[in-house]
C-alpha atoms as a PDB file:
ATOM      1  CA  ASP A   1     121.659  92.136 105.727  1.00  0.00           C
ATOM      2  CA  MET A   2     118.531  90.594 107.445  1.00  0.00           C
ATOM      3  CA  ALA A   3     119.413  92.326 110.875  1.00  0.00           C
ATOM      4  CA  THR A   4     118.998  95.890 110.031  1.00  0.00           C
ATOM      5  CA  GLY A   5     115.218  95.442 108.119  1.00  0.00           C
ATOM      6  CA  PHE A   6     116.850  97.376 104.841  1.00  0.00           C
ATOM      7  CA  ASP A   7     115.691  94.101 102.613  1.00  0.00           C
ATOM      8  CA  PHE A   8     112.597  95.585 102.166  1.00  0.00           C
ATOM      9  CA  PRO A   9     113.144  98.202  99.497  1.00  0.00           C
ATOM     10  CA  GLY A  10     110.247 100.635  99.829  1.00  0.00           C
ATOM     11  CA  PHE A  11     106.892 100.527  98.309  1.00  0.00           C
ATOM     12  CA  PRO A  12     107.313 101.170  94.421  1.00  0.00           C
ATOM     13  CA  LYS A  13     106.542 104.695  93.080  1.00  0.00           C
ATOM     14  CA  ASP A  14     103.662 103.009  91.429  1.00  0.00           C
ATOM     15  CA  ALA A  15     102.486 102.281  94.746  1.00  0.00           C
ATOM     16  CA  LEU A  16     101.508 105.926  95.323  1.00  0.00           C
ATOM     17  CA  ALA A  17     100.522 106.376  91.653  1.00  0.00           C
ATOM     18  CA  PHE A  18      98.027 104.278  91.630  1.00  0.00           C
ATOM     19  CA  PHE A  19      96.218 105.152  95.048  1.00  0.00           C
ATOM     20  CA  GLU A  20      96.723 109.230  93.413  1.00  0.00           C
ATOM     21  CA  GLU A  21      94.407 107.908  90.529  1.00  0.00           C
ATOM     22  CA  ILE A  22      91.999 105.998  91.926  1.00  0.00           C
ATOM     23  CA  LYS A  23      90.720 108.866  93.781  1.00  0.00           C
ATOM     24  CA  ASN A  24      89.441 110.168  90.147  1.00  0.00           C
ATOM     25  CA  ASN A  25      88.522 106.902  89.149  1.00  0.00           C
ATOM     26  CA  ASN A  26      86.397 104.971  91.864  1.00  0.00           C
ATOM     27  CA  ASP A  27      84.616 102.538  89.718  1.00  0.00           C
ATOM     28  CA  ARG A  28      84.674  98.589  88.642  1.00  0.00           C
ATOM     29  CA  ASP A  29      85.441  99.017  84.730  1.00  0.00           C
ATOM     30  CA  TRP A  30      88.843 101.125  85.851  1.00  0.00           C
ATOM     31  CA  PHE A  31      89.802  98.969  88.817  1.00  0.00           C
ATOM     32  CA  ALA A  32      89.311  95.613  86.485  1.00  0.00           C
ATOM     33  CA  GLU A  33      91.928  97.482  83.823  1.00  0.00           C
ATOM     34  CA  ASN A  34      94.061  98.197  86.847  1.00  0.00           C
ATOM     35  CA  LYS A  35      93.763  95.114  88.919  1.00  0.00           C
ATOM     36  CA  GLN A  36      96.754  93.346  87.641  1.00  0.00           C
ATOM     37  CA  ARG A  37      99.032  96.770  88.547  1.00  0.00           C
ATOM     38  CA  TYR A  38      97.338  96.974  91.712  1.00  0.00           C
ATOM     39  CA  ILE A  39      98.553  93.083  92.644  1.00  0.00           C
ATOM     40  CA  ASP A  40     101.797  94.095  91.541  1.00  0.00           C
ATOM     41  CA  SER A  41     102.749  97.881  92.729  1.00  0.00           C
ATOM     42  CA  VAL A  42      99.999  97.571  96.332  1.00  0.00           C
ATOM     43  CA  GLN A  43      99.102  94.125  97.477  1.00  0.00           C
ATOM     44  CA  GLU A  44     102.313  91.545  96.823  1.00  0.00           C
ATOM     45  CA  PRO A  45     105.119  94.618  98.114  1.00  0.00           C
ATOM     46  CA  ALA A  46     102.298  95.074 100.805  1.00  0.00           C
ATOM     47  CA  VAL A  47     103.046  91.151 102.032  1.00  0.00           C
ATOM     48  CA  GLU A  48     106.725  91.338 102.107  1.00  0.00           C
ATOM     49  CA  PHE A  49     106.111  94.691 103.736  1.00  0.00           C
ATOM     50  CA  VAL A  50     103.928  92.598 106.195  1.00  0.00           C
ATOM     51  CA  VAL A  51     106.877  89.771 106.959  1.00  0.00           C
ATOM     52  CA  ALA A  52     109.862  92.496 106.764  1.00  0.00           C
ATOM     53  CA  LEU A  53     108.103  95.097 109.837  1.00  0.00           C
ATOM     54  CA  GLY A  54     106.506  91.543 111.820  1.00  0.00           C
ATOM     55  CA  THR A  55     109.842  89.708 112.396  1.00  0.00           C
ATOM     56  CA  ARG A  56     111.278  92.696 113.542  1.00  0.00           C
ATOM     57  CA  LEU A  57     108.594  93.793 115.721  1.00  0.00           C
ATOM     58  CA  GLN A  58     108.161  90.553 116.994  1.00  0.00           C
ATOM     59  CA  SER A  59     111.781  90.746 118.427  1.00  0.00           C
ATOM     60  CA  ILE A  60     110.793  93.931 119.681  1.00  0.00           C
ATOM     61  CA  ALA A  61     107.672  92.704 121.101  1.00  0.00           C
ATOM     62  CA  PRO A  62     107.115  88.995 120.848  1.00  0.00           C
ATOM     63  CA  GLU A  63     103.725  88.868 121.375  1.00  0.00           C
ATOM     64  CA  ILE A  64     103.311  90.835 117.993  1.00  0.00           C
ATOM     65  CA  GLN A  65     101.579  88.481 115.469  1.00  0.00           C
ATOM     66  CA  PHE A  66     101.142  89.084 111.479  1.00  0.00           C
ATOM     67  CA  ASP A  67      99.505  86.618 108.573  1.00  0.00           C
ATOM     68  CA  THR A  68     100.419  87.418 104.725  1.00  0.00           C
ATOM     69  CA  ALA A  69      97.186  86.503 104.599  1.00  0.00           C
ATOM     70  CA  THR A  70      95.288  88.890 100.971  1.00  0.00           C
ATOM     71  CA  ASN A  71      91.464  87.633 101.468  1.00  0.00           C
ATOM     72  CA  GLY A  72      90.687  89.867 104.061  1.00  0.00           C
ATOM     73  CA  SER A  73      91.586  87.538 107.363  1.00  0.00           C
ATOM     74  CA  GLY A  74      95.442  88.684 106.968  1.00  0.00           C
ATOM     75  CA  SER A  75      97.139  91.540 107.884  1.00  0.00           C
ATOM     76  CA  VAL A  76      96.946  93.299 104.532  1.00  0.00           C
ATOM     77  CA  MET A  77      93.272  94.579 104.428  1.00  0.00           C
ATOM     78  CA  ARG A  78      91.379  93.982 101.298  1.00  0.00           C
ATOM     79  CA  ILE A  79      90.732  97.681  98.884  1.00  0.00           C
ATOM     80  CA  TYR A  80      86.761  96.132  98.429  1.00  0.00           C
ATOM     81  CA  ARG A  81      85.135  99.180 100.921  1.00  0.00           C
ATOM     82  CA  ASP A  82      81.736  98.365 102.907  1.00  0.00           C
ATOM     83  CA  VAL A  83      79.855 100.272 101.620  1.00  0.00           C
ATOM     84  CA  ARG A  84      76.546  98.640 103.076  1.00  0.00           C
ATOM     85  CA  PHE A  85      76.136 101.639 105.519  1.00  0.00           C
ATOM     86  CA  SER A  86      77.646 104.406 104.034  1.00  0.00           C
ATOM     87  CA  LYS A  87      76.340 107.252 102.021  1.00  0.00           C
ATOM     88  CA  ASP A  88      79.679 107.197 100.492  1.00  0.00           C
ATOM     89  CA  LYS A  89      78.672 104.243  97.506  1.00  0.00           C
ATOM     90  CA  SER A  90      82.649 104.123  96.069  1.00  0.00           C
ATOM     91  CA  PRO A  91      83.844 100.729  95.970  1.00  0.00           C
ATOM     92  CA  TYR A  92      87.196 101.056  96.578  1.00  0.00           C
ATOM     93  CA  LYS A  93      89.545 102.792  99.530  1.00  0.00           C
ATOM     94  CA  ASP A  94      91.968 104.899  97.842  1.00  0.00           C
ATOM     95  CA  TRP A  95      94.730 103.873 100.807  1.00  0.00           C
ATOM     96  CA  LEU A  96      96.546 100.600 102.093  1.00  0.00           C
ATOM     97  CA  GLY A  97      95.797  99.150 105.563  1.00  0.00           C
ATOM     98  CA  ILE A  98      97.848  97.090 106.986  1.00  0.00           C
ATOM     99  CA  GLY A  99      97.360  95.340 110.831  1.00  0.00           C
ATOM    100  CA  LEU A 100      99.295  93.348 113.519  1.00  0.00           C
ATOM    101  CA  TRP A 101      98.133  92.408 116.658  1.00  0.00           C
ATOM    102  CA  GLY A 102      99.126  91.548 120.227  1.00  0.00           C
ATOM    103  CA  GLY A 103      98.420  88.279 120.876  1.00  0.00           C
ATOM    104  CA  PRO A 104      96.319  85.908 119.984  1.00  0.00           C
ATOM    105  CA  LYS A 105      93.191  87.651 118.821  1.00  0.00           C
ATOM    106  CA  LYS A 106      93.085  90.169 115.975  1.00  0.00           C
ATOM    107  CA  ASN A 107      92.461  93.577 117.013  1.00  0.00           C
ATOM    108  CA  HIS A 108      92.157  92.427 121.104  1.00  0.00           C
ATOM    109  CA  HIS A 109      94.154  95.311 123.265  1.00  0.00           C
ATOM    110  CA  SER A 110      97.099  96.782 121.384  1.00  0.00           C
ATOM    111  CA  GLY A 111      98.355  96.111 117.986  1.00  0.00           C
ATOM    112  CA  VAL A 112     100.427  97.780 115.172  1.00  0.00           C
ATOM    113  CA  TYR A 113      98.568  99.469 112.078  1.00  0.00           C
ATOM    114  CA  PHE A 114      99.896 100.643 109.058  1.00  0.00           C
ATOM    115  CA  GLY A 115      98.591 102.224 106.722  1.00  0.00           C
ATOM    116  CA  PHE A 116      99.256 104.769 103.550  1.00  0.00           C
ATOM    117  CA  SER A 117      97.841 106.688 100.120  1.00  0.00           C
ATOM    118  CA  ASP A 118      99.567 108.604  97.888  1.00  0.00           C
ATOM    119  CA  ASP A 119      99.962 111.823 100.604  1.00  0.00           C
ATOM    120  CA  GLY A 120     101.839 109.899 103.190  1.00  0.00           C
ATOM    121  CA  GLY A 121     100.901 107.387 105.695  1.00  0.00           C
ATOM    122  CA  GLY A 122     101.524 106.853 109.517  1.00  0.00           C
ATOM    123  CA  MET A 123     102.050 104.014 111.997  1.00  0.00           C
ATOM    124  CA  HIS A 124      99.768 103.665 115.296  1.00  0.00           C
ATOM    125  CA  VAL A 125      99.700 101.509 118.165  1.00  0.00           C
ATOM    126  CA  GLY A 126      96.985 100.897 120.523  1.00  0.00           C
ATOM    127  CA  SER A 127      93.068  99.936 119.775  1.00  0.00           C
ATOM    128  CA  HIS A 128      90.733 101.770 117.885  1.00  0.00           C
ATOM    129  CA  SER A 129      87.493 100.162 120.101  1.00  0.00           C
ATOM    130  CA  PHE A 130      88.547  98.709 123.339  1.00  0.00           C
ATOM    131  CA  SER A 131      85.892  95.758 123.910  1.00  0.00           C
ATOM    132  CA  LYS A 132      83.571  96.265 127.160  1.00  0.00           C
ATOM    133  CA  ASP A 133      85.516  94.196 128.900  1.00  0.00           C
ATOM    134  CA  PHE A 134      88.965  96.138 128.684  1.00  0.00           C
ATOM    135  CA  LEU A 135      87.530  99.261 128.593  1.00  0.00           C
ATOM    136  CA  ALA A 136      85.979  98.668 132.767  1.00  0.00           C
ATOM    137  CA  ALA A 137      89.863  97.491 133.191  1.00  0.00           C
ATOM    138  CA  TYR A 138      91.590 100.452 131.173  1.00  0.00           C
ATOM    139  CA  ARG A 139      89.519 103.069 133.281  1.00  0.00           C
ATOM    140  CA  ALA A 140      90.697 101.252 136.628  1.00  0.00           C
ATOM    141  CA  ALA A 141      94.013 101.315 136.087  1.00  0.00           C
ATOM    142  CA  VAL A 142      93.691 104.498 135.095  1.00  0.00           C
ATOM    143  CA  ALA A 143      92.162 105.718 138.029  1.00  0.00           C
ATOM    144  CA  GLU A 144      95.242 103.771 140.070  1.00  0.00           C
ATOM    145  CA  ASP A 145      97.645 106.506 140.538  1.00  0.00           C
ATOM    146  CA  ARG A 146     100.341 103.715 140.243  1.00  0.00           C
ATOM    147  CA  SER A 147      99.555 101.866 136.860  1.00  0.00           C
ATOM    148  CA  GLY A 148      97.948 105.942 135.826  1.00  0.00           C
ATOM    149  CA  GLY A 149     101.068 107.342 136.055  1.00  0.00           C
ATOM    150  CA  GLU A 150     102.720 104.846 134.564  1.00  0.00           C
ATOM    151  CA  LEU A 151     100.680 105.336 131.054  1.00  0.00           C
ATOM    152  CA  GLU A 152     100.532 109.197 131.550  1.00  0.00           C
ATOM    153  CA  SER A 153     104.470 108.890 131.416  1.00  0.00           C
ATOM    154  CA  ALA A 154     104.772 106.676 128.309  1.00  0.00           C
ATOM    155  CA  LEU A 155     102.336 109.219 126.396  1.00  0.00           C
ATOM    156  CA  HIS A 156     104.197 111.688 127.803  1.00  0.00           C
ATOM    157  CA  GLU A 157     107.837 110.384 126.561  1.00  0.00           C
ATOM    158  CA  LEU A 158     106.621 110.007 122.458  1.00  0.00           C
ATOM    159  CA  GLY A 159     107.846 113.260 122.468  1.00  0.00           C
ATOM    160  CA  LYS A 160     107.949 115.321 119.506  1.00  0.00           C
ATOM    161  CA  GLY A 161     105.402 114.958 116.331  1.00  0.00           C
ATOM    162  CA  PHE A 162     103.823 111.716 118.122  1.00  0.00           C
ATOM    163  CA  THR A 163      99.964 111.818 118.368  1.00  0.00           C
ATOM    164  CA  VAL A 164      97.332 110.438 121.406  1.00  0.00           C
ATOM    165  CA  ASN A 165      94.507 109.881 119.596  1.00  0.00           C
ATOM    166  CA  GLY A 166      91.059 107.132 120.106  1.00  0.00           C
ATOM    167  CA  GLU A 167      87.339 108.143 120.173  1.00  0.00           C
ATOM    168  CA  GLN A 168      86.737 109.836 124.013  1.00  0.00           C
ATOM    169  CA  LEU A 169      83.346 110.945 125.960  1.00  0.00           C
ATOM    170  CA  LYS A 170      82.586 114.506 126.465  1.00  0.00           C
ATOM    171  CA  ARG A 171      82.546 113.848 129.788  1.00  0.00           C
ATOM    172  CA  VAL A 172      84.564 111.861 133.046  1.00  0.00           C
ATOM    173  CA  PRO A 173      82.471 108.719 132.602  1.00  0.00           C
ATOM    174  CA  PRO A 174      80.431 108.399 135.986  1.00  0.00           C
ATOM    175  CA  GLY A 175      81.979 106.756 138.637  1.00  0.00           C
ATOM    176  CA  PHE A 176      84.922 108.905 139.102  1.00  0.00           C
ATOM    177  CA  ASP A 177      85.966 112.378 140.297  1.00  0.00           C
ATOM    178  CA  GLN A 178      85.020 114.849 137.680  1.00  0.00           C
ATOM    179  CA  GLU A 179      88.124 117.193 138.564  1.00  0.00           C
ATOM    180  CA  HIS A 180      90.373 113.447 138.455  1.00  0.00           C
ATOM    181  CA  PRO A 181      94.074 114.385 137.098  1.00  0.00           C
ATOM    182  CA  ARG A 182      93.892 112.287 134.369  1.00  0.00           C
ATOM    183  CA  GLY A 183      90.289 112.728 133.963  1.00  0.00           C
ATOM    184  CA  ASP A 184      90.957 113.368 129.900  1.00  0.00           C
ATOM    185  CA  LEU A 185      92.664 109.768 129.774  1.00  0.00           C
ATOM    186  CA  LEU A 186      89.411 108.548 131.556  1.00  0.00           C
ATOM    187  CA  ARG A 187      87.084 109.833 128.570  1.00  0.00           C
ATOM    188  CA  HIS A 188      89.418 107.802 126.285  1.00  0.00           C
ATOM    189  CA  LYS A 189      86.277 104.834 125.166  1.00  0.00           C
ATOM    190  CA  SER A 190      89.647 103.576 122.835  1.00  0.00           C
ATOM    191  CA  LEU A 191      93.418 104.748 122.399  1.00  0.00           C
ATOM    192  CA  TYR A 192      95.772 104.831 120.186  1.00  0.00           C
ATOM    193  CA  VAL A 193      99.366 107.028 119.432  1.00  0.00           C
ATOM    194  CA  SER A 194     100.482 107.634 116.109  1.00  0.00           C
ATOM    195  CA  THR A 195     103.570 108.567 114.931  1.00  0.00           C
ATOM    196  CA  PRO A 196     104.694 111.566 113.189  1.00  0.00           C
ATOM    197  CA  HIS A 197     103.811 111.607 109.242  1.00  0.00           C
ATOM    198  CA  LEU A 198     105.309 109.486 107.280  1.00  0.00           C
ATOM    199  CA  LEU A 199     106.578 111.287 103.590  1.00  0.00           C
ATOM    200  CA  PRO A 200     105.864 109.569 100.174  1.00  0.00           C
ATOM    201  CA  ALA A 201     109.606 109.452  99.687  1.00  0.00           C
ATOM    202  CA  LEU A 202     110.232 107.381 102.870  1.00  0.00           C
ATOM    203  CA  LEU A 203     107.332 104.952 101.519  1.00  0.00           C
ATOM    204  CA  THR A 204     109.161 103.996  98.618  1.00  0.00           C
ATOM    205  CA  SER A 205     112.850 103.537 100.130  1.00  0.00           C
ATOM    206  CA  ALA A 206     114.599 101.361 102.215  1.00  0.00           C
ATOM    207  CA  ALA A 207     114.492 103.497 105.101  1.00  0.00           C
ATOM    208  CA  LEU A 208     110.950 102.523 106.058  1.00  0.00           C
ATOM    209  CA  VAL A 209     110.972  99.497 107.648  1.00  0.00           C
ATOM    210  CA  PRO A 210     114.449 100.609 109.705  1.00  0.00           C
ATOM    211  CA  THR A 211     112.328 103.982 110.453  1.00  0.00           C
ATOM    212  CA  CYS A 212     108.893 102.267 111.334  1.00  0.00           C
ATOM    213  CA  ILE A 213     110.626 100.341 113.928  1.00  0.00           C
ATOM    214  CA  ASP A 214     112.571 103.296 115.209  1.00  0.00           C
ATOM    215  CA  TYR A 215     108.888 104.836 116.310  1.00  0.00           C
ATOM    216  CA  PHE A 216     107.606 101.266 117.223  1.00  0.00           C
ATOM    217  CA  LYS A 217     110.808 101.565 120.049  1.00  0.00           C
ATOM    218  CA  LYS A 218     109.636 105.064 121.520  1.00  0.00           C
ATOM    219  CA  MET A 219     105.479 103.601 121.160  1.00  0.00           C
ATOM    220  CA  LEU A 220     106.332 100.325 123.339  1.00  0.00           C
ATOM    221  CA  PRO A 221     105.978 101.404 126.656  1.00  0.00           C
ATOM    222  CA  VAL A 222     102.620 102.493 125.570  1.00  0.00           C
ATOM    223  CA  HIS A 223     102.024  99.609 123.631  1.00  0.00           C
ATOM    224  CA  ARG A 224     103.496  96.894 126.451  1.00  0.00           C
ATOM    225  CA  TRP A 225     100.944  98.970 128.904  1.00  0.00           C
ATOM    226  CA  LEU A 226      97.546  98.355 126.725  1.00  0.00           C
ATOM    227  CA  TYR A 227      98.915  94.461 126.246  1.00  0.00           C
ATOM    228  CA  GLU A 228      99.532  93.517 129.563  1.00  0.00           C
ATOM    229  CA  LEU A 229      96.298  95.242 131.050  1.00  0.00           C
ATOM    230  CA  GLY A 230      95.080  92.770 128.403  1.00  0.00           C
ATOM    231  CA  GLN A 231      96.573  89.757 129.781  1.00  0.00           C
ATOM    232  CA  THR A 232      94.977  90.515 133.076  1.00  0.00           C
ATOM    233  CA  ILE A 233      91.467  90.507 131.863  1.00  0.00           C
END
């Protein structure tokens, strides 16, 4: 039944096994031998998941966009790590990353990120990096009582198990009252909220998409606040 979201059966158990094994075999020879397995157990199911999740998210938040390309331009992120500036030179990620975005631009103001490894995963809503313009608008909106209060209550109402994340300054930024009642929010340079931990058994089950949708409904006020603020820039 398309309407309930149970048409995505969950990721194959081998997807979790693949990520468990690559942790100890993070090299090109092993990956070459297991590349077809990666495509069959991880990448192709990930594309199906993106469509199943994305179409349902659009029924709640029509601005959500997704893309089934697997070459790095779409929602399913590539497994190849960018090692140019990293001390860790292992060539592959040992997790799957999936991104859907709010509005026409990727990673603009508020999107949905889903990731998992062999030990479970999570879904995140918001942005892990604010643009300069958006950061200025965000701070002004947080400082203002009405809009700042709306964000505060949206975060407060998430309930048990959800977390509020994002890079933070050590102090309230200059130009704002250092004792501001929403000082903790003013210190954010980015903001996203995360679901409770998704257990491995859920990832391989048909309940995965419906569970993500239930969680998204709780996170929707946060997404909506960030997305609508983005529309004003």
